[in-house]
Amino acid sequence: MSDPAPLPGAPAAALPWDARLARRLVLPLRHGPLTPNHLTTVRLAFGIAAAGALMRGSYGWMNLGALLMVVSNFLDHTDGELARMSGRSSRLGHWYDLASDAAVTVLLFTGLGLGVGTHAPRVLQLPAVSLGLIAGLAVTAIFYLRMRIEAVGGKDASKQAELAGFEAEDVLYLLPLITLCNGTKPLLIAAAVGAPLFAVWVLFDYRRLTRTQSR
């Protein structure tokens, strides 16, 4: 018996750990009726449900929201892996995935701000929900800038920093631990301060790349 043909896309060993698991899980679906857009929709639904749970603010709801967000974050890898291995990539699907990423991110931090606001209406002298909006919009700006970097310099230019198979976005997998330890308020503050600063850094990176490309 001949060996099976290698799957399209990056070698499994080059992928982050969650993407490797996603590839294995969607492998049986590559010839079925389920499309990458179906998986994007499921990911979006889990993200919306997570935000809805987080905004309730109680300990139990916050923990449920954190678990739902972990599922949503993992599912974000499944649509791309299915698209690559089934040959069903499309520009519409790509934009749908990006729009879902942005929506889930804004909803995550807005829901977190509303949830924290149920027991701490003002944080850093600002309404708690406004800190969530600041963080969510800053992360959305980072997504957009990374898209522009990829358009100018290719995928390698926009590749996230990785360490031992983990990417920066994998910090979301720690969310259930944070909610279990009642750390949502410090998380909200860290996100509201750190996300805009990181967005500024990515903006400078984008401007540097565009100047280099124009020479």
N, C-alpha and C. Protein backbone atom coordinates (compact mmCIF):
# COMPACT_ATOMS: atom_id res chain seq x y z
N MET A 1 0.85 -1.18 0.00
CA MET A 1 0.00 0.00 0.00
C MET A 1 0.89 1.23 0.00
N SER A 2 0.57 2.21 -0.83
CA SER A 2 1.37 3.44 -0.90
C SER A 2 1.03 4.35 0.26
N ASP A 3 1.98 5.20 0.62
CA ASP A 3 1.75 6.16 1.70
C ASP A 3 0.75 7.19 1.22
N PRO A 4 -0.09 7.71 2.14
CA PRO A 4 -1.05 8.74 1.76
C PRO A 4 -0.32 10.01 1.36
N ALA A 5 -0.94 10.76 0.46
CA ALA A 5 -0.34 12.03 0.03
C ALA A 5 -0.29 12.99 1.19
N PRO A 6 0.75 13.81 1.28
CA PRO A 6 0.83 14.77 2.37
C PRO A 6 -0.27 15.81 2.27
N LEU A 7 -0.72 16.28 3.40
CA LEU A 7 -1.78 17.27 3.42
C LEU A 7 -1.23 18.62 2.99
N PRO A 8 -2.06 19.45 2.32
CA PRO A 8 -1.60 20.78 1.93
C PRO A 8 -1.34 21.63 3.17
N GLY A 9 -0.56 22.71 2.95
CA GLY A 9 -0.28 23.62 4.04
C GLY A 9 1.05 23.34 4.70
N ALA A 10 1.28 24.03 5.79
CA ALA A 10 2.54 23.88 6.51
C ALA A 10 2.65 22.49 7.12
N PRO A 11 3.89 21.94 7.24
CA PRO A 11 4.06 20.66 7.93
C PRO A 11 3.51 20.75 9.35
N ALA A 12 2.94 19.65 9.83
CA ALA A 12 2.32 19.67 11.16
C ALA A 12 3.30 20.11 12.23
N ALA A 13 4.56 19.71 12.10
CA ALA A 13 5.55 20.06 13.13
C ALA A 13 5.81 21.55 13.19
N ALA A 14 5.48 22.29 12.10
CA ALA A 14 5.72 23.73 12.08
C ALA A 14 4.55 24.52 12.63
N LEU A 15 3.44 23.85 12.94
CA LEU A 15 2.24 24.54 13.40
C LEU A 15 2.25 24.66 14.92
N PRO A 16 1.55 25.69 15.46
CA PRO A 16 1.34 25.73 16.91
C PRO A 16 0.57 24.51 17.37
N TRP A 17 0.64 24.22 18.67
CA TRP A 17 0.03 23.00 19.19
C TRP A 17 -1.47 22.93 18.93
N ASP A 18 -2.18 24.06 19.12
CA ASP A 18 -3.62 24.01 18.93
C ASP A 18 -3.98 23.82 17.47
N ALA A 19 -3.19 24.37 16.56
CA ALA A 19 -3.44 24.17 15.13
C ALA A 19 -3.18 22.71 14.74
N ARG A 20 -2.17 22.08 15.35
CA ARG A 20 -1.92 20.67 15.07
C ARG A 20 -3.10 19.80 15.49
N LEU A 21 -3.65 20.09 16.69
CA LEU A 21 -4.81 19.34 17.16
C LEU A 21 -6.01 19.60 16.27
N ALA A 22 -6.20 20.85 15.86
CA ALA A 22 -7.31 21.20 14.98
C ALA A 22 -7.22 20.43 13.66
N ARG A 23 -6.01 20.33 13.12
CA ARG A 23 -5.82 19.61 11.86
C ARG A 23 -6.23 18.15 12.01
N ARG A 24 -5.86 17.52 13.11
CA ARG A 24 -6.22 16.11 13.32
C ARG A 24 -7.73 15.94 13.46
N LEU A 25 -8.37 16.88 14.15
CA LEU A 25 -9.80 16.74 14.41
C LEU A 25 -10.64 16.95 13.15
N VAL A 26 -10.20 17.83 12.27
CA VAL A 26 -11.01 18.11 11.07
C VAL A 26 -10.63 17.22 9.90
N LEU A 27 -9.58 16.42 10.06
CA LEU A 27 -9.14 15.55 8.96
C LEU A 27 -10.28 14.68 8.42
N PRO A 28 -11.12 14.06 9.26
CA PRO A 28 -12.21 13.23 8.71
C PRO A 28 -13.27 14.05 7.97
N LEU A 29 -13.26 15.38 8.12
CA LEU A 29 -14.30 16.22 7.52
C LEU A 29 -13.93 16.74 6.15
N ARG A 30 -12.70 16.44 5.69
CA ARG A 30 -12.22 17.13 4.49
C ARG A 30 -12.98 16.76 3.22
N HIS A 31 -13.64 15.59 3.21
CA HIS A 31 -14.41 15.19 2.03
C HIS A 31 -15.91 15.23 2.30
N GLY A 32 -16.31 15.76 3.44
CA GLY A 32 -17.73 15.80 3.80
C GLY A 32 -18.40 17.09 3.40
N PRO A 33 -19.66 17.24 3.77
CA PRO A 33 -20.43 18.42 3.37
C PRO A 33 -20.14 19.66 4.21
N LEU A 34 -19.48 19.48 5.36
CA LEU A 34 -19.19 20.61 6.24
C LEU A 34 -18.13 21.50 5.60
N THR A 35 -18.39 22.79 5.54
CA THR A 35 -17.46 23.72 4.91
C THR A 35 -16.71 24.52 5.97
N PRO A 36 -15.60 25.15 5.60
CA PRO A 36 -14.90 26.02 6.55
C PRO A 36 -15.79 27.12 7.10
N ASN A 37 -16.69 27.66 6.28
CA ASN A 37 -17.58 28.72 6.75
C ASN A 37 -18.53 28.23 7.84
N HIS A 38 -18.91 26.95 7.78
CA HIS A 38 -19.73 26.38 8.85
C HIS A 38 -18.97 26.41 10.17
N LEU A 39 -17.68 26.05 10.13
CA LEU A 39 -16.88 26.05 11.35
C LEU A 39 -16.65 27.47 11.85
N THR A 40 -16.50 28.43 10.93
CA THR A 40 -16.36 29.82 11.35
C THR A 40 -17.61 30.27 12.09
N THR A 41 -18.77 29.86 11.58
CA THR A 41 -20.03 30.24 12.21
C THR A 41 -20.15 29.64 13.61
N VAL A 42 -19.73 28.39 13.76
CA VAL A 42 -19.75 27.76 15.09
C VAL A 42 -18.81 28.50 16.03
N ARG A 43 -17.62 28.85 15.54
CA ARG A 43 -16.66 29.61 16.36
C ARG A 43 -17.27 30.95 16.81
N LEU A 44 -17.94 31.63 15.87
CA LEU A 44 -18.57 32.91 16.18
C LEU A 44 -19.67 32.74 17.22
N ALA A 45 -20.45 31.67 17.08
CA ALA A 45 -21.54 31.42 18.03
C ALA A 45 -21.00 31.18 19.44
N PHE A 46 -19.91 30.42 19.55
CA PHE A 46 -19.31 30.20 20.87
C PHE A 46 -18.76 31.51 21.44
N GLY A 47 -18.18 32.35 20.58
CA GLY A 47 -17.67 33.64 21.05
C GLY A 47 -18.77 34.55 21.56
N ILE A 48 -19.91 34.58 20.85
CA ILE A 48 -21.05 35.39 21.29
C ILE A 48 -21.60 34.86 22.61
N ALA A 49 -21.71 33.54 22.71
CA ALA A 49 -22.19 32.94 23.95
C ALA A 49 -21.24 33.24 25.11
N ALA A 50 -19.95 33.21 24.85
CA ALA A 50 -18.96 33.50 25.89
C ALA A 50 -19.11 34.93 26.39
N ALA A 51 -19.25 35.88 25.45
CA ALA A 51 -19.41 37.28 25.84
C ALA A 51 -20.69 37.47 26.65
N GLY A 52 -21.77 36.78 26.23
CA GLY A 52 -23.02 36.88 26.97
C GLY A 52 -22.90 36.37 28.39
N ALA A 53 -22.13 35.31 28.57
CA ALA A 53 -21.93 34.77 29.93
C ALA A 53 -21.04 35.71 30.76
N LEU A 54 -19.98 36.22 30.15
CA LEU A 54 -19.06 37.10 30.89
C LEU A 54 -19.76 38.35 31.39
N MET A 55 -20.66 38.91 30.58
CA MET A 55 -21.28 40.17 30.97
C MET A 55 -22.25 40.01 32.15
N ARG A 56 -22.61 38.76 32.49
CA ARG A 56 -23.49 38.55 33.66
C ARG A 56 -22.77 38.89 34.95
N GLY A 57 -21.44 38.69 34.97
CA GLY A 57 -20.63 39.21 36.07
C GLY A 57 -20.45 38.33 37.29
N SER A 58 -21.32 37.34 37.50
CA SER A 58 -21.17 36.50 38.69
C SER A 58 -20.02 35.51 38.49
N TYR A 59 -19.57 34.93 39.59
CA TYR A 59 -18.43 34.01 39.54
C TYR A 59 -18.72 32.84 38.60
N GLY A 60 -19.90 32.24 38.73
CA GLY A 60 -20.24 31.09 37.90
C GLY A 60 -20.32 31.45 36.42
N TRP A 61 -20.98 32.57 36.10
CA TRP A 61 -21.11 32.99 34.71
C TRP A 61 -19.75 33.35 34.11
N MET A 62 -18.91 33.98 34.90
CA MET A 62 -17.58 34.34 34.40
C MET A 62 -16.78 33.08 34.04
N ASN A 63 -16.88 32.07 34.88
CA ASN A 63 -16.15 30.83 34.60
C ASN A 63 -16.71 30.12 33.37
N LEU A 64 -18.04 30.13 33.23
CA LEU A 64 -18.65 29.54 32.04
C LEU A 64 -18.21 30.30 30.78
N GLY A 65 -18.23 31.63 30.87
CA GLY A 65 -17.81 32.44 29.73
C GLY A 65 -16.37 32.17 29.33
N ALA A 66 -15.51 31.99 30.33
CA ALA A 66 -14.11 31.70 30.04
C ALA A 66 -13.95 30.37 29.30
N LEU A 67 -14.70 29.35 29.73
CA LEU A 67 -14.63 28.05 29.06
C LEU A 67 -15.14 28.13 27.62
N LEU A 68 -16.23 28.86 27.43
CA LEU A 68 -16.78 29.03 26.08
C LEU A 68 -15.80 29.78 25.18
N MET A 69 -15.09 30.75 25.75
CA MET A 69 -14.14 31.51 24.95
C MET A 69 -12.94 30.64 24.56
N VAL A 70 -12.52 29.74 25.43
CA VAL A 70 -11.44 28.81 25.09
C VAL A 70 -11.85 27.94 23.90
N VAL A 71 -13.09 27.45 23.93
CA VAL A 71 -13.60 26.64 22.81
C VAL A 71 -13.61 27.48 21.53
N SER A 72 -14.09 28.71 21.63
CA SER A 72 -14.15 29.60 20.47
C SER A 72 -12.75 29.86 19.91
N ASN A 73 -11.80 30.08 20.80
CA ASN A 73 -10.43 30.36 20.36
C ASN A 73 -9.83 29.14 19.65
N PHE A 74 -10.10 27.96 20.17
CA PHE A 74 -9.60 26.76 19.51
C PHE A 74 -10.26 26.55 18.16
N LEU A 75 -11.58 26.74 18.09
CA LEU A 75 -12.30 26.55 16.83
C LEU A 75 -11.83 27.50 15.75
N ASP A 76 -11.22 28.60 16.15
CA ASP A 76 -10.70 29.56 15.17
C ASP A 76 -9.65 28.92 14.27
N HIS A 77 -9.03 27.84 14.71
CA HIS A 77 -8.02 27.15 13.90
C HIS A 77 -8.64 26.11 12.96
N THR A 78 -9.82 25.65 13.29
CA THR A 78 -10.37 24.53 12.53
C THR A 78 -10.80 24.92 11.12
N ASP A 79 -11.37 26.13 10.96
CA ASP A 79 -11.85 26.51 9.63
C ASP A 79 -10.71 26.65 8.63
N GLY A 80 -9.61 27.25 9.08
CA GLY A 80 -8.46 27.41 8.19
C GLY A 80 -7.83 26.08 7.83
N GLU A 81 -7.73 25.17 8.80
CA GLU A 81 -7.14 23.86 8.51
C GLU A 81 -8.03 23.08 7.55
N LEU A 82 -9.35 23.14 7.75
CA LEU A 82 -10.25 22.44 6.83
C LEU A 82 -10.18 23.04 5.43
N ALA A 83 -10.08 24.37 5.36
CA ALA A 83 -10.00 25.02 4.05
C ALA A 83 -8.76 24.58 3.30
N ARG A 84 -7.63 24.49 4.00
CA ARG A 84 -6.38 24.12 3.34
C ARG A 84 -6.38 22.66 2.90
N MET A 85 -6.82 21.76 3.77
CA MET A 85 -6.71 20.34 3.42
C MET A 85 -7.80 19.90 2.45
N SER A 86 -8.91 20.65 2.35
CA SER A 86 -9.98 20.27 1.43
C SER A 86 -9.94 21.07 0.14
N GLY A 87 -9.04 22.06 0.07
CA GLY A 87 -8.96 22.89 -1.13
C GLY A 87 -10.15 23.81 -1.31
N ARG A 88 -10.83 24.16 -0.19
CA ARG A 88 -12.02 25.00 -0.29
C ARG A 88 -11.77 26.39 0.29
N SER A 89 -10.56 26.89 0.14
CA SER A 89 -10.26 28.25 0.56
C SER A 89 -10.96 29.23 -0.38
N SER A 90 -11.40 30.34 0.15
CA SER A 90 -12.04 31.36 -0.67
C SER A 90 -11.79 32.73 -0.06
N ARG A 91 -11.84 33.75 -0.89
CA ARG A 91 -11.64 35.11 -0.39
C ARG A 91 -12.77 35.50 0.56
N LEU A 92 -14.01 35.08 0.22
CA LEU A 92 -15.14 35.37 1.09
C LEU A 92 -14.96 34.71 2.45
N GLY A 93 -14.52 33.44 2.44
CA GLY A 93 -14.29 32.74 3.70
C GLY A 93 -13.21 33.40 4.52
N HIS A 94 -12.17 33.88 3.84
CA HIS A 94 -11.08 34.57 4.54
C HIS A 94 -11.59 35.82 5.24
N TRP A 95 -12.40 36.60 4.53
CA TRP A 95 -12.92 37.84 5.13
C TRP A 95 -13.94 37.53 6.22
N TYR A 96 -14.72 36.47 6.05
CA TYR A 96 -15.67 36.07 7.08
C TYR A 96 -14.93 35.68 8.35
N ASP A 97 -13.83 34.96 8.20
CA ASP A 97 -13.02 34.55 9.34
C ASP A 97 -12.45 35.78 10.06
N LEU A 98 -11.92 36.73 9.29
CA LEU A 98 -11.35 37.93 9.89
C LEU A 98 -12.41 38.76 10.61
N ALA A 99 -13.58 38.89 9.98
CA ALA A 99 -14.67 39.64 10.61
C ALA A 99 -15.12 38.97 11.90
N SER A 100 -15.17 37.63 11.89
CA SER A 100 -15.54 36.90 13.10
C SER A 100 -14.49 37.09 14.20
N ASP A 101 -13.21 37.07 13.82
CA ASP A 101 -12.15 37.31 14.80
C ASP A 101 -12.34 38.67 15.48
N ALA A 102 -12.57 39.69 14.65
CA ALA A 102 -12.73 41.04 15.19
C ALA A 102 -13.96 41.12 16.09
N ALA A 103 -15.08 40.53 15.63
CA ALA A 103 -16.31 40.59 16.42
C ALA A 103 -16.16 39.88 17.75
N VAL A 104 -15.56 38.69 17.74
CA VAL A 104 -15.38 37.93 18.98
C VAL A 104 -14.46 38.68 19.95
N THR A 105 -13.42 39.31 19.41
CA THR A 105 -12.49 40.04 20.27
C THR A 105 -13.17 41.22 20.95
N VAL A 106 -13.89 42.02 20.17
CA VAL A 106 -14.60 43.17 20.74
C VAL A 106 -15.63 42.70 21.76
N LEU A 107 -16.38 41.65 21.41
CA LEU A 107 -17.39 41.13 22.33
C LEU A 107 -16.77 40.57 23.60
N LEU A 108 -15.62 39.89 23.46
CA LEU A 108 -14.94 39.33 24.64
C LEU A 108 -14.63 40.42 25.66
N PHE A 109 -13.94 41.46 25.22
CA PHE A 109 -13.52 42.49 26.17
C PHE A 109 -14.67 43.38 26.61
N THR A 110 -15.65 43.60 25.73
CA THR A 110 -16.83 44.36 26.14
C THR A 110 -17.62 43.59 27.18
N GLY A 111 -17.79 42.28 26.94
CA GLY A 111 -18.48 41.45 27.92
C GLY A 111 -17.73 41.40 29.24
N LEU A 112 -16.40 41.34 29.15
CA LEU A 112 -15.59 41.35 30.37
C LEU A 112 -15.76 42.66 31.12
N GLY A 113 -15.77 43.78 30.38
CA GLY A 113 -15.97 45.08 31.02
C GLY A 113 -17.33 45.19 31.68
N LEU A 114 -18.36 44.72 30.99
CA LEU A 114 -19.70 44.76 31.58
C LEU A 114 -19.78 43.86 32.81
N GLY A 115 -19.14 42.69 32.74
CA GLY A 115 -19.16 41.78 33.88
C GLY A 115 -18.45 42.35 35.09
N VAL A 116 -17.26 42.91 34.86
CA VAL A 116 -16.53 43.54 35.97
C VAL A 116 -17.33 44.72 36.51
N GLY A 117 -18.03 45.43 35.61
CA GLY A 117 -18.81 46.59 36.03
C GLY A 117 -19.97 46.26 36.94
N THR A 118 -20.40 45.00 36.99
CA THR A 118 -21.50 44.64 37.88
C THR A 118 -21.10 44.72 39.35
N HIS A 119 -19.78 44.61 39.62
CA HIS A 119 -19.33 44.71 41.01
C HIS A 119 -18.27 45.79 41.21
N ALA A 120 -17.77 46.37 40.12
CA ALA A 120 -16.81 47.48 40.21
C ALA A 120 -17.12 48.43 39.05
N PRO A 121 -18.17 49.26 39.21
CA PRO A 121 -18.63 50.10 38.09
C PRO A 121 -17.55 50.98 37.48
N ARG A 122 -16.60 51.45 38.29
CA ARG A 122 -15.53 52.31 37.76
C ARG A 122 -14.18 51.67 38.07
N VAL A 123 -13.34 51.62 37.05
CA VAL A 123 -11.99 51.06 37.17
C VAL A 123 -11.04 52.08 36.56
N LEU A 124 -10.00 52.45 37.30
CA LEU A 124 -9.07 53.50 36.86
C LEU A 124 -9.82 54.79 36.54
N GLN A 125 -10.82 55.09 37.35
CA GLN A 125 -11.64 56.30 37.22
C GLN A 125 -12.47 56.34 35.94
N LEU A 126 -12.62 55.21 35.27
CA LEU A 126 -13.41 55.12 34.05
C LEU A 126 -14.46 54.03 34.21
N PRO A 127 -15.60 54.14 33.49
CA PRO A 127 -16.56 53.03 33.51
C PRO A 127 -15.89 51.74 33.05
N ALA A 128 -16.13 50.67 33.76
CA ALA A 128 -15.46 49.41 33.44
C ALA A 128 -15.69 48.99 32.00
N VAL A 129 -16.90 49.21 31.48
CA VAL A 129 -17.19 48.79 30.11
C VAL A 129 -16.35 49.56 29.11
N SER A 130 -15.99 50.82 29.43
CA SER A 130 -15.17 51.60 28.50
C SER A 130 -13.76 51.00 28.38
N LEU A 131 -13.25 50.43 29.46
CA LEU A 131 -11.95 49.76 29.39
C LEU A 131 -12.03 48.53 28.49
N GLY A 132 -13.15 47.82 28.57
CA GLY A 132 -13.33 46.67 27.70
C GLY A 132 -13.38 47.08 26.24
N LEU A 133 -14.07 48.18 25.94
CA LEU A 133 -14.14 48.67 24.57
C LEU A 133 -12.78 49.11 24.06
N ILE A 134 -12.01 49.77 24.92
CA ILE A 134 -10.66 50.21 24.54
C ILE A 134 -9.81 49.00 24.15
N ALA A 135 -9.84 47.97 25.00
CA ALA A 135 -9.04 46.77 24.73
C ALA A 135 -9.52 46.08 23.46
N GLY A 136 -10.82 45.92 23.30
CA GLY A 136 -11.35 45.23 22.14
C GLY A 136 -11.04 45.95 20.84
N LEU A 137 -11.20 47.27 20.82
CA LEU A 137 -10.93 48.04 19.61
C LEU A 137 -9.43 48.05 19.30
N ALA A 138 -8.59 48.07 20.34
CA ALA A 138 -7.14 48.04 20.12
C ALA A 138 -6.72 46.72 19.49
N VAL A 139 -7.28 45.61 19.97
CA VAL A 139 -6.93 44.31 19.40
C VAL A 139 -7.45 44.21 17.97
N THR A 140 -8.62 44.78 17.70
CA THR A 140 -9.13 44.80 16.32
C THR A 140 -8.20 45.59 15.42
N ALA A 141 -7.67 46.71 15.92
CA ALA A 141 -6.70 47.50 15.15
C ALA A 141 -5.45 46.68 14.87
N ILE A 142 -5.03 45.87 15.84
CA ILE A 142 -3.86 45.01 15.64
C ILE A 142 -4.13 44.00 14.52
N PHE A 143 -5.33 43.39 14.53
CA PHE A 143 -5.70 42.47 13.45
C PHE A 143 -5.59 43.16 12.09
N TYR A 144 -6.16 44.37 12.01
CA TYR A 144 -6.17 45.10 10.73
C TYR A 144 -4.74 45.41 10.28
N LEU A 145 -3.91 45.86 11.21
CA LEU A 145 -2.53 46.20 10.85
C LEU A 145 -1.76 44.97 10.41
N ARG A 146 -2.00 43.85 11.05
CA ARG A 146 -1.32 42.62 10.64
C ARG A 146 -1.78 42.19 9.24
N MET A 147 -3.04 42.43 8.92
CA MET A 147 -3.51 42.17 7.56
C MET A 147 -2.77 43.04 6.56
N ARG A 148 -2.58 44.32 6.90
CA ARG A 148 -1.87 45.23 6.00
C ARG A 148 -0.40 44.81 5.87
N ILE A 149 0.20 44.38 6.97
CA ILE A 149 1.59 43.92 6.93
C ILE A 149 1.70 42.70 6.02
N GLU A 150 0.74 41.78 6.13
CA GLU A 150 0.77 40.59 5.28
C GLU A 150 0.60 40.98 3.81
N ALA A 151 -0.28 41.96 3.54
CA ALA A 151 -0.51 42.39 2.16
C ALA A 151 0.74 43.01 1.56
N VAL A 152 1.53 43.69 2.39
CA VAL A 152 2.73 44.38 1.90
C VAL A 152 3.93 43.44 1.85
N GLY A 153 4.12 42.67 2.92
CA GLY A 153 5.35 41.89 3.04
C GLY A 153 5.18 40.39 2.98
N GLY A 154 3.94 39.89 2.83
CA GLY A 154 3.72 38.46 2.79
C GLY A 154 3.47 37.87 4.17
N LYS A 155 3.14 36.57 4.19
CA LYS A 155 2.78 35.90 5.44
C LYS A 155 3.92 35.90 6.45
N ASP A 156 5.15 35.76 5.98
CA ASP A 156 6.28 35.72 6.90
C ASP A 156 6.42 37.02 7.68
N ALA A 157 6.09 38.14 7.03
CA ALA A 157 6.21 39.45 7.68
C ALA A 157 5.20 39.61 8.81
N SER A 158 4.04 38.95 8.69
CA SER A 158 2.99 39.10 9.69
C SER A 158 2.95 37.95 10.68
N LYS A 159 3.89 37.04 10.59
CA LYS A 159 3.89 35.86 11.46
C LYS A 159 4.06 36.28 12.92
N GLN A 160 3.23 35.70 13.78
CA GLN A 160 3.30 36.01 15.21
C GLN A 160 4.53 35.37 15.84
N ALA A 161 4.98 36.00 16.91
CA ALA A 161 6.07 35.41 17.69
C ALA A 161 5.61 34.08 18.27
N GLU A 162 6.51 33.10 18.28
CA GLU A 162 6.14 31.76 18.74
C GLU A 162 7.24 31.22 19.63
N LEU A 163 6.84 30.51 20.66
CA LEU A 163 7.81 29.90 21.58
C LEU A 163 7.32 28.51 21.94
N ALA A 164 8.12 27.51 21.58
CA ALA A 164 7.82 26.11 21.91
C ALA A 164 6.43 25.69 21.45
N GLY A 165 6.01 26.18 20.27
CA GLY A 165 4.73 25.79 19.73
C GLY A 165 3.55 26.59 20.24
N PHE A 166 3.81 27.68 20.96
CA PHE A 166 2.74 28.53 21.47
C PHE A 166 2.88 29.93 20.89
N GLU A 167 1.73 30.54 20.53
CA GLU A 167 1.71 31.90 20.01
C GLU A 167 1.19 32.85 21.09
N ALA A 168 1.34 34.16 20.82
CA ALA A 168 0.91 35.16 21.80
C ALA A 168 -0.58 35.04 22.11
N GLU A 169 -1.40 34.75 21.08
CA GLU A 169 -2.84 34.66 21.28
C GLU A 169 -3.24 33.49 22.17
N ASP A 170 -2.34 32.52 22.37
CA ASP A 170 -2.65 31.35 23.18
C ASP A 170 -2.82 31.70 24.66
N VAL A 171 -2.51 32.94 25.02
CA VAL A 171 -2.72 33.37 26.40
C VAL A 171 -4.20 33.28 26.76
N LEU A 172 -5.09 33.31 25.76
CA LEU A 172 -6.52 33.19 26.05
C LEU A 172 -6.87 31.85 26.67
N TYR A 173 -6.03 30.84 26.46
CA TYR A 173 -6.30 29.54 27.07
C TYR A 173 -6.15 29.58 28.59
N LEU A 174 -5.54 30.65 29.10
CA LEU A 174 -5.40 30.82 30.55
C LEU A 174 -6.61 31.52 31.17
N LEU A 175 -7.56 31.95 30.32
CA LEU A 175 -8.70 32.69 30.84
C LEU A 175 -9.48 31.95 31.93
N PRO A 176 -9.75 30.64 31.79
CA PRO A 176 -10.46 29.95 32.87
C PRO A 176 -9.70 29.99 34.20
N LEU A 177 -8.38 29.92 34.14
CA LEU A 177 -7.59 30.01 35.37
C LEU A 177 -7.74 31.38 36.01
N ILE A 178 -7.78 32.42 35.17
CA ILE A 178 -7.93 33.79 35.67
C ILE A 178 -9.30 33.98 36.33
N THR A 179 -10.34 33.47 35.68
CA THR A 179 -11.68 33.64 36.27
C THR A 179 -11.83 32.81 37.54
N LEU A 180 -11.22 31.63 37.56
CA LEU A 180 -11.27 30.82 38.79
C LEU A 180 -10.63 31.54 39.96
N CYS A 181 -9.60 32.33 39.68
CA CYS A 181 -8.87 33.05 40.73
C CYS A 181 -9.40 34.47 40.94
N ASN A 182 -10.58 34.77 40.39
CA ASN A 182 -11.18 36.10 40.53
C ASN A 182 -10.25 37.21 40.02
N GLY A 183 -9.58 36.93 38.91
CA GLY A 183 -8.63 37.90 38.38
C GLY A 183 -9.14 38.71 37.21
N THR A 184 -10.46 38.81 37.07
CA THR A 184 -11.00 39.49 35.89
C THR A 184 -10.73 41.00 35.90
N LYS A 185 -10.77 41.63 37.07
CA LYS A 185 -10.50 43.08 37.13
C LYS A 185 -9.06 43.39 36.73
N PRO A 186 -8.05 42.71 37.31
CA PRO A 186 -6.67 42.96 36.85
C PRO A 186 -6.48 42.65 35.37
N LEU A 187 -7.17 41.61 34.87
CA LEU A 187 -7.07 41.28 33.44
C LEU A 187 -7.62 42.42 32.60
N LEU A 188 -8.75 42.98 33.00
CA LEU A 188 -9.35 44.09 32.26
C LEU A 188 -8.41 45.28 32.22
N ILE A 189 -7.78 45.59 33.34
CA ILE A 189 -6.84 46.71 33.39
C ILE A 189 -5.64 46.44 32.49
N ALA A 190 -5.09 45.23 32.59
CA ALA A 190 -3.92 44.88 31.77
C ALA A 190 -4.25 44.95 30.29
N ALA A 191 -5.45 44.49 29.90
CA ALA A 191 -5.84 44.52 28.49
C ALA A 191 -6.05 45.94 28.01
N ALA A 192 -6.67 46.79 28.83
CA ALA A 192 -6.95 48.17 28.43
C ALA A 192 -5.68 48.99 28.29
N VAL A 193 -4.66 48.64 29.04
CA VAL A 193 -3.38 49.36 28.96
C VAL A 193 -2.47 48.71 27.92
N GLY A 194 -2.36 47.38 27.96
CA GLY A 194 -1.40 46.69 27.10
C GLY A 194 -1.80 46.62 25.64
N ALA A 195 -3.09 46.41 25.35
CA ALA A 195 -3.51 46.27 23.95
C ALA A 195 -3.25 47.54 23.13
N PRO A 196 -3.59 48.74 23.62
CA PRO A 196 -3.27 49.95 22.84
C PRO A 196 -1.77 50.15 22.65
N LEU A 197 -0.98 49.82 23.67
CA LEU A 197 0.47 49.96 23.52
C LEU A 197 1.00 49.01 22.46
N PHE A 198 0.50 47.78 22.45
CA PHE A 198 0.93 46.82 21.44
C PHE A 198 0.47 47.24 20.05
N ALA A 199 -0.74 47.83 19.98
CA ALA A 199 -1.24 48.34 18.69
C ALA A 199 -0.31 49.41 18.14
N VAL A 200 0.19 50.28 19.01
CA VAL A 200 1.13 51.32 18.58
C VAL A 200 2.42 50.68 18.06
N TRP A 201 2.90 49.65 18.74
CA TRP A 201 4.12 48.96 18.29
C TRP A 201 3.92 48.33 16.91
N VAL A 202 2.74 47.69 16.70
CA VAL A 202 2.46 47.08 15.40
C VAL A 202 2.33 48.16 14.32
N LEU A 203 1.77 49.32 14.69
CA LEU A 203 1.67 50.43 13.74
C LEU A 203 3.06 50.89 13.29
N PHE A 204 3.97 51.03 14.23
CA PHE A 204 5.35 51.41 13.87
C PHE A 204 5.99 50.34 12.98
N ASP A 205 5.71 49.07 13.27
CA ASP A 205 6.24 47.97 12.46
C ASP A 205 5.69 48.06 11.03
N TYR A 206 4.40 48.37 10.92
CA TYR A 206 3.78 48.52 9.59
C TYR A 206 4.40 49.69 8.83
N ARG A 207 4.59 50.81 9.50
CA ARG A 207 5.17 51.99 8.84
C ARG A 207 6.61 51.71 8.41
N ARG A 208 7.35 50.98 9.24
CA ARG A 208 8.73 50.63 8.87
C ARG A 208 8.75 49.76 7.64
N LEU A 209 7.82 48.79 7.59
CA LEU A 209 7.77 47.88 6.44
C LEU A 209 7.40 48.63 5.17
N THR A 210 6.41 49.51 5.25
CA THR A 210 6.00 50.24 4.06
C THR A 210 7.11 51.16 3.55
N ARG A 211 7.87 51.76 4.47
CA ARG A 211 9.00 52.60 4.03
C ARG A 211 10.06 51.76 3.35
N THR A 212 10.31 50.56 3.90
CA THR A 212 11.31 49.67 3.30
C THR A 212 10.88 49.22 1.91
N GLN A 213 9.59 48.89 1.75
CA GLN A 213 9.09 48.40 0.48
C GLN A 213 9.06 49.50 -0.59
N SER A 214 8.93 50.75 -0.16
CA SER A 214 8.84 51.85 -1.12
C SER A 214 10.21 52.29 -1.66
N ARG A 215 11.29 51.80 -1.05
CA ARG A 215 12.62 52.20 -1.51
C ARG A 215 13.01 51.47 -2.79
